[in-house]
Amino acid sequence: MSPRRARKTVSSTASNSALTPNTERLRVGDETAGRPAASRTETTEKRVRVPFGSYLPPDLQRQFKAACVLQGIEMQDALEQAITRWLADTTDS
């Protein structure tokens, strides 16, 4: 039987970033776009919302989700804006 090799340990000066804890606070919604929560234009009141379900083609859903991520907004907020604009357009006609 061969002798055991010494164990490798991680020192506090490790250069591996995967082993370093992320201490940055979690950013959600508008905060992901680089704006602090205090500069939001929306009110801080909790909005009442009802469940809404629909079906979309997979490619359209992926595009929608990606656009929301890039804009730093939640999908439900973008959907609310789109429906509100669509309703305004249909009632103007």
N, C-alpha and C. Protein backbone atom coordinates (compact mmCIF):
# COMPACT_ATOMS: atom_id res chain seq x y z
N MET A 1 0.84 -1.16 0.00
CA MET A 1 0.00 0.00 0.00
C MET A 1 0.89 1.24 0.00
N SER A 2 0.53 2.21 -0.85
CA SER A 2 1.34 3.42 -0.95
C SER A 2 0.97 4.41 0.15
N PRO A 3 1.92 5.26 0.54
CA PRO A 3 1.61 6.23 1.60
C PRO A 3 0.62 7.28 1.12
N ARG A 4 -0.15 7.78 2.05
CA ARG A 4 -1.16 8.81 1.73
C ARG A 4 -0.49 10.13 1.38
N ARG A 5 -1.08 10.80 0.40
CA ARG A 5 -0.58 12.13 0.04
C ARG A 5 -1.19 13.16 0.99
N ALA A 6 -0.48 14.25 1.18
CA ALA A 6 -0.98 15.32 2.04
C ALA A 6 -2.20 15.96 1.39
N ARG A 7 -3.17 16.34 2.20
CA ARG A 7 -4.39 16.98 1.69
C ARG A 7 -4.09 18.41 1.26
N LYS A 8 -4.80 18.83 0.22
CA LYS A 8 -4.69 20.22 -0.20
C LYS A 8 -5.72 21.01 0.58
N THR A 9 -5.32 22.16 1.06
CA THR A 9 -6.23 23.02 1.80
C THR A 9 -6.29 24.38 1.14
N VAL A 10 -7.38 25.09 1.40
CA VAL A 10 -7.55 26.42 0.85
C VAL A 10 -7.10 27.42 1.89
N SER A 11 -6.16 28.25 1.53
CA SER A 11 -5.68 29.26 2.48
C SER A 11 -6.54 30.51 2.34
N SER A 12 -6.43 31.41 3.29
CA SER A 12 -7.20 32.65 3.24
C SER A 12 -6.72 33.55 2.13
N THR A 13 -5.57 33.28 1.57
CA THR A 13 -5.04 34.09 0.48
C THR A 13 -5.29 33.43 -0.87
N ALA A 14 -6.30 32.56 -0.93
CA ALA A 14 -6.60 31.84 -2.16
C ALA A 14 -6.99 32.82 -3.26
N SER A 15 -6.52 32.55 -4.45
CA SER A 15 -6.83 33.44 -5.56
C SER A 15 -8.02 32.94 -6.37
N ASN A 16 -8.62 31.84 -5.96
CA ASN A 16 -9.76 31.28 -6.68
C ASN A 16 -11.03 32.03 -6.28
N SER A 17 -11.58 32.84 -7.21
CA SER A 17 -12.74 33.66 -6.88
C SER A 17 -13.98 32.82 -6.61
N ALA A 18 -14.02 31.59 -7.10
CA ALA A 18 -15.17 30.74 -6.85
C ALA A 18 -15.26 30.34 -5.39
N LEU A 19 -14.16 30.42 -4.68
CA LEU A 19 -14.14 30.05 -3.28
C LEU A 19 -14.30 31.26 -2.36
N THR A 20 -14.37 32.45 -2.93
CA THR A 20 -14.53 33.67 -2.14
C THR A 20 -16.01 34.00 -2.04
N PRO A 21 -16.56 34.18 -0.84
CA PRO A 21 -17.99 34.46 -0.73
C PRO A 21 -18.35 35.81 -1.32
N ASN A 22 -19.51 35.87 -1.96
CA ASN A 22 -20.02 37.11 -2.52
C ASN A 22 -20.78 37.84 -1.42
N THR A 23 -20.28 38.98 -1.00
CA THR A 23 -20.92 39.72 0.08
C THR A 23 -21.76 40.88 -0.44
N GLU A 24 -21.85 41.03 -1.77
CA GLU A 24 -22.67 42.09 -2.35
C GLU A 24 -24.14 41.77 -2.09
N ARG A 25 -24.94 42.81 -1.78
CA ARG A 25 -26.34 42.55 -1.48
C ARG A 25 -27.09 42.20 -2.76
N LEU A 26 -28.14 41.43 -2.62
CA LEU A 26 -28.95 40.99 -3.73
C LEU A 26 -29.70 42.16 -4.33
N ARG A 27 -29.65 42.31 -5.67
CA ARG A 27 -30.37 43.38 -6.34
C ARG A 27 -31.54 42.76 -7.10
N VAL A 28 -32.72 43.40 -6.98
CA VAL A 28 -33.93 42.85 -7.58
C VAL A 28 -34.66 43.94 -8.35
N GLY A 29 -35.35 43.56 -9.44
CA GLY A 29 -36.19 44.48 -10.18
C GLY A 29 -35.43 45.66 -10.73
N ASP A 30 -35.89 46.88 -10.42
CA ASP A 30 -35.29 48.10 -10.94
C ASP A 30 -33.83 48.26 -10.51
N GLU A 31 -33.47 47.68 -9.40
CA GLU A 31 -32.11 47.81 -8.90
C GLU A 31 -31.11 47.15 -9.83
N THR A 32 -31.52 46.17 -10.64
CA THR A 32 -30.59 45.47 -11.52
C THR A 32 -30.17 46.34 -12.68
N ALA A 33 -30.90 47.40 -12.97
CA ALA A 33 -30.55 48.31 -14.06
C ALA A 33 -29.53 49.35 -13.62
N GLY A 34 -29.03 49.24 -12.41
CA GLY A 34 -28.02 50.16 -11.92
C GLY A 34 -28.58 51.34 -11.16
N ARG A 35 -29.89 51.39 -11.00
CA ARG A 35 -30.50 52.48 -10.24
C ARG A 35 -30.79 52.00 -8.83
N PRO A 36 -30.48 52.81 -7.82
CA PRO A 36 -30.81 52.41 -6.46
C PRO A 36 -32.31 52.41 -6.23
N ALA A 37 -32.76 51.65 -5.27
CA ALA A 37 -34.19 51.53 -5.00
C ALA A 37 -34.83 52.86 -4.65
N ALA A 38 -34.10 53.77 -4.04
CA ALA A 38 -34.68 55.05 -3.62
C ALA A 38 -35.04 55.94 -4.79
N SER A 39 -34.44 55.71 -5.98
CA SER A 39 -34.72 56.58 -7.11
C SER A 39 -35.84 56.06 -8.00
N ARG A 40 -36.55 55.06 -7.56
CA ARG A 40 -37.65 54.52 -8.35
C ARG A 40 -38.76 55.55 -8.50
N THR A 41 -39.40 55.53 -9.66
CA THR A 41 -40.50 56.47 -9.87
C THR A 41 -41.83 55.88 -9.41
N GLU A 42 -41.92 54.58 -9.30
CA GLU A 42 -43.14 53.96 -8.84
C GLU A 42 -43.31 54.19 -7.34
N THR A 43 -44.55 54.08 -6.90
CA THR A 43 -44.78 54.18 -5.47
C THR A 43 -44.31 52.90 -4.80
N THR A 44 -44.03 52.99 -3.53
CA THR A 44 -43.54 51.82 -2.81
C THR A 44 -44.70 50.99 -2.25
N GLU A 45 -45.94 51.41 -2.54
CA GLU A 45 -47.09 50.64 -2.09
C GLU A 45 -47.16 49.31 -2.84
N LYS A 46 -47.63 48.31 -2.17
CA LYS A 46 -47.79 47.02 -2.83
C LYS A 46 -49.03 47.06 -3.70
N ARG A 47 -48.86 46.73 -4.97
CA ARG A 47 -49.98 46.74 -5.89
C ARG A 47 -50.74 45.43 -5.81
N VAL A 48 -52.04 45.51 -5.90
CA VAL A 48 -52.87 44.31 -5.90
C VAL A 48 -52.91 43.78 -7.33
N ARG A 49 -52.63 42.52 -7.48
CA ARG A 49 -52.63 41.89 -8.80
C ARG A 49 -53.35 40.55 -8.71
N VAL A 50 -54.01 40.20 -9.79
CA VAL A 50 -54.69 38.91 -9.86
C VAL A 50 -53.90 37.99 -10.79
N PRO A 51 -53.99 36.70 -10.58
CA PRO A 51 -53.27 35.77 -11.46
C PRO A 51 -53.76 35.88 -12.90
N PHE A 52 -52.84 35.71 -13.83
CA PHE A 52 -53.15 35.79 -15.25
C PHE A 52 -52.31 34.74 -15.94
N GLY A 53 -52.94 33.91 -16.74
CA GLY A 53 -52.21 32.87 -17.44
C GLY A 53 -52.45 32.96 -18.93
N SER A 54 -51.44 32.58 -19.70
CA SER A 54 -51.56 32.61 -21.14
C SER A 54 -50.52 31.66 -21.72
N TYR A 55 -50.64 31.43 -23.00
CA TYR A 55 -49.69 30.57 -23.69
C TYR A 55 -49.05 31.37 -24.82
N LEU A 56 -47.72 31.25 -24.95
CA LEU A 56 -46.97 31.93 -25.99
C LEU A 56 -46.09 30.91 -26.71
N PRO A 57 -45.76 31.20 -27.97
CA PRO A 57 -44.77 30.35 -28.62
C PRO A 57 -43.44 30.44 -27.85
N PRO A 58 -42.72 29.33 -27.74
CA PRO A 58 -41.48 29.33 -26.93
C PRO A 58 -40.48 30.41 -27.33
N ASP A 59 -40.30 30.64 -28.63
CA ASP A 59 -39.34 31.65 -29.07
C ASP A 59 -39.76 33.05 -28.64
N LEU A 60 -41.04 33.36 -28.71
CA LEU A 60 -41.55 34.67 -28.29
C LEU A 60 -41.36 34.85 -26.78
N GLN A 61 -41.62 33.81 -26.02
CA GLN A 61 -41.45 33.89 -24.56
C GLN A 61 -39.99 34.13 -24.21
N ARG A 62 -39.06 33.45 -24.90
CA ARG A 62 -37.63 33.64 -24.63
C ARG A 62 -37.18 35.07 -24.97
N GLN A 63 -37.68 35.59 -26.11
CA GLN A 63 -37.34 36.97 -26.49
C GLN A 63 -37.87 37.96 -25.46
N PHE A 64 -39.10 37.74 -25.02
CA PHE A 64 -39.73 38.61 -24.03
C PHE A 64 -38.94 38.60 -22.73
N LYS A 65 -38.60 37.41 -22.27
CA LYS A 65 -37.86 37.27 -21.02
C LYS A 65 -36.49 37.94 -21.12
N ALA A 66 -35.80 37.72 -22.24
CA ALA A 66 -34.47 38.31 -22.43
C ALA A 66 -34.56 39.83 -22.47
N ALA A 67 -35.57 40.37 -23.15
CA ALA A 67 -35.73 41.83 -23.22
C ALA A 67 -35.99 42.40 -21.83
N CYS A 68 -36.79 41.71 -21.03
CA CYS A 68 -37.07 42.18 -19.67
C CYS A 68 -35.80 42.18 -18.82
N VAL A 69 -35.00 41.14 -18.96
CA VAL A 69 -33.74 41.07 -18.20
C VAL A 69 -32.82 42.21 -18.61
N LEU A 70 -32.69 42.44 -19.91
CA LEU A 70 -31.81 43.51 -20.39
C LEU A 70 -32.29 44.89 -19.95
N GLN A 71 -33.61 45.08 -19.84
CA GLN A 71 -34.17 46.35 -19.39
C GLN A 71 -34.18 46.46 -17.86
N GLY A 72 -33.98 45.35 -17.19
CA GLY A 72 -33.96 45.35 -15.73
C GLY A 72 -35.35 45.49 -15.12
N ILE A 73 -36.36 44.98 -15.82
CA ILE A 73 -37.73 45.04 -15.28
C ILE A 73 -38.29 43.64 -15.19
N GLU A 74 -39.29 43.48 -14.35
CA GLU A 74 -39.92 42.17 -14.20
C GLU A 74 -40.88 41.94 -15.36
N MET A 75 -41.05 40.69 -15.72
CA MET A 75 -41.93 40.33 -16.84
C MET A 75 -43.36 40.81 -16.59
N GLN A 76 -43.84 40.71 -15.36
CA GLN A 76 -45.21 41.12 -15.07
C GLN A 76 -45.39 42.62 -15.28
N ASP A 77 -44.35 43.41 -15.00
CA ASP A 77 -44.44 44.85 -15.21
C ASP A 77 -44.46 45.18 -16.70
N ALA A 78 -43.63 44.50 -17.48
CA ALA A 78 -43.61 44.72 -18.92
C ALA A 78 -44.93 44.29 -19.55
N LEU A 79 -45.48 43.18 -19.08
CA LEU A 79 -46.76 42.71 -19.60
C LEU A 79 -47.87 43.70 -19.27
N GLU A 80 -47.84 44.24 -18.06
CA GLU A 80 -48.85 45.23 -17.67
C GLU A 80 -48.77 46.46 -18.58
N GLN A 81 -47.55 46.93 -18.86
CA GLN A 81 -47.37 48.08 -19.75
C GLN A 81 -47.89 47.77 -21.15
N ALA A 82 -47.57 46.59 -21.66
CA ALA A 82 -47.99 46.22 -23.01
C ALA A 82 -49.51 46.13 -23.12
N ILE A 83 -50.15 45.53 -22.14
CA ILE A 83 -51.61 45.41 -22.17
C ILE A 83 -52.27 46.78 -22.04
N THR A 84 -51.72 47.62 -21.16
CA THR A 84 -52.27 48.96 -20.98
C THR A 84 -52.18 49.76 -22.28
N ARG A 85 -51.03 49.69 -22.97
CA ARG A 85 -50.88 50.40 -24.25
C ARG A 85 -51.80 49.82 -25.31
N TRP A 86 -51.91 48.51 -25.36
CA TRP A 86 -52.78 47.87 -26.35
C TRP A 86 -54.24 48.29 -26.13
N LEU A 87 -54.68 48.29 -24.89
CA LEU A 87 -56.05 48.72 -24.59
C LEU A 87 -56.26 50.18 -24.98
N ALA A 88 -55.29 51.03 -24.72
CA ALA A 88 -55.40 52.44 -25.09
C ALA A 88 -55.51 52.58 -26.61
N ASP A 89 -54.74 51.80 -27.34
CA ASP A 89 -54.77 51.84 -28.80
C ASP A 89 -56.09 51.35 -29.36
N THR A 90 -56.65 50.31 -28.74
CA THR A 90 -57.91 49.75 -29.26
C THR A 90 -59.11 50.64 -28.93
N THR A 91 -59.04 51.37 -27.83
CA THR A 91 -60.16 52.24 -27.49
C THR A 91 -60.10 53.56 -28.25
N ASP A 92 -58.91 53.93 -28.75
CA ASP A 92 -58.77 55.16 -29.53
C ASP A 92 -59.31 54.98 -30.95
N SER A 93 -59.38 53.75 -31.42
CA SER A 93 -59.80 53.49 -32.81
C SER A 93 -61.28 53.64 -33.01
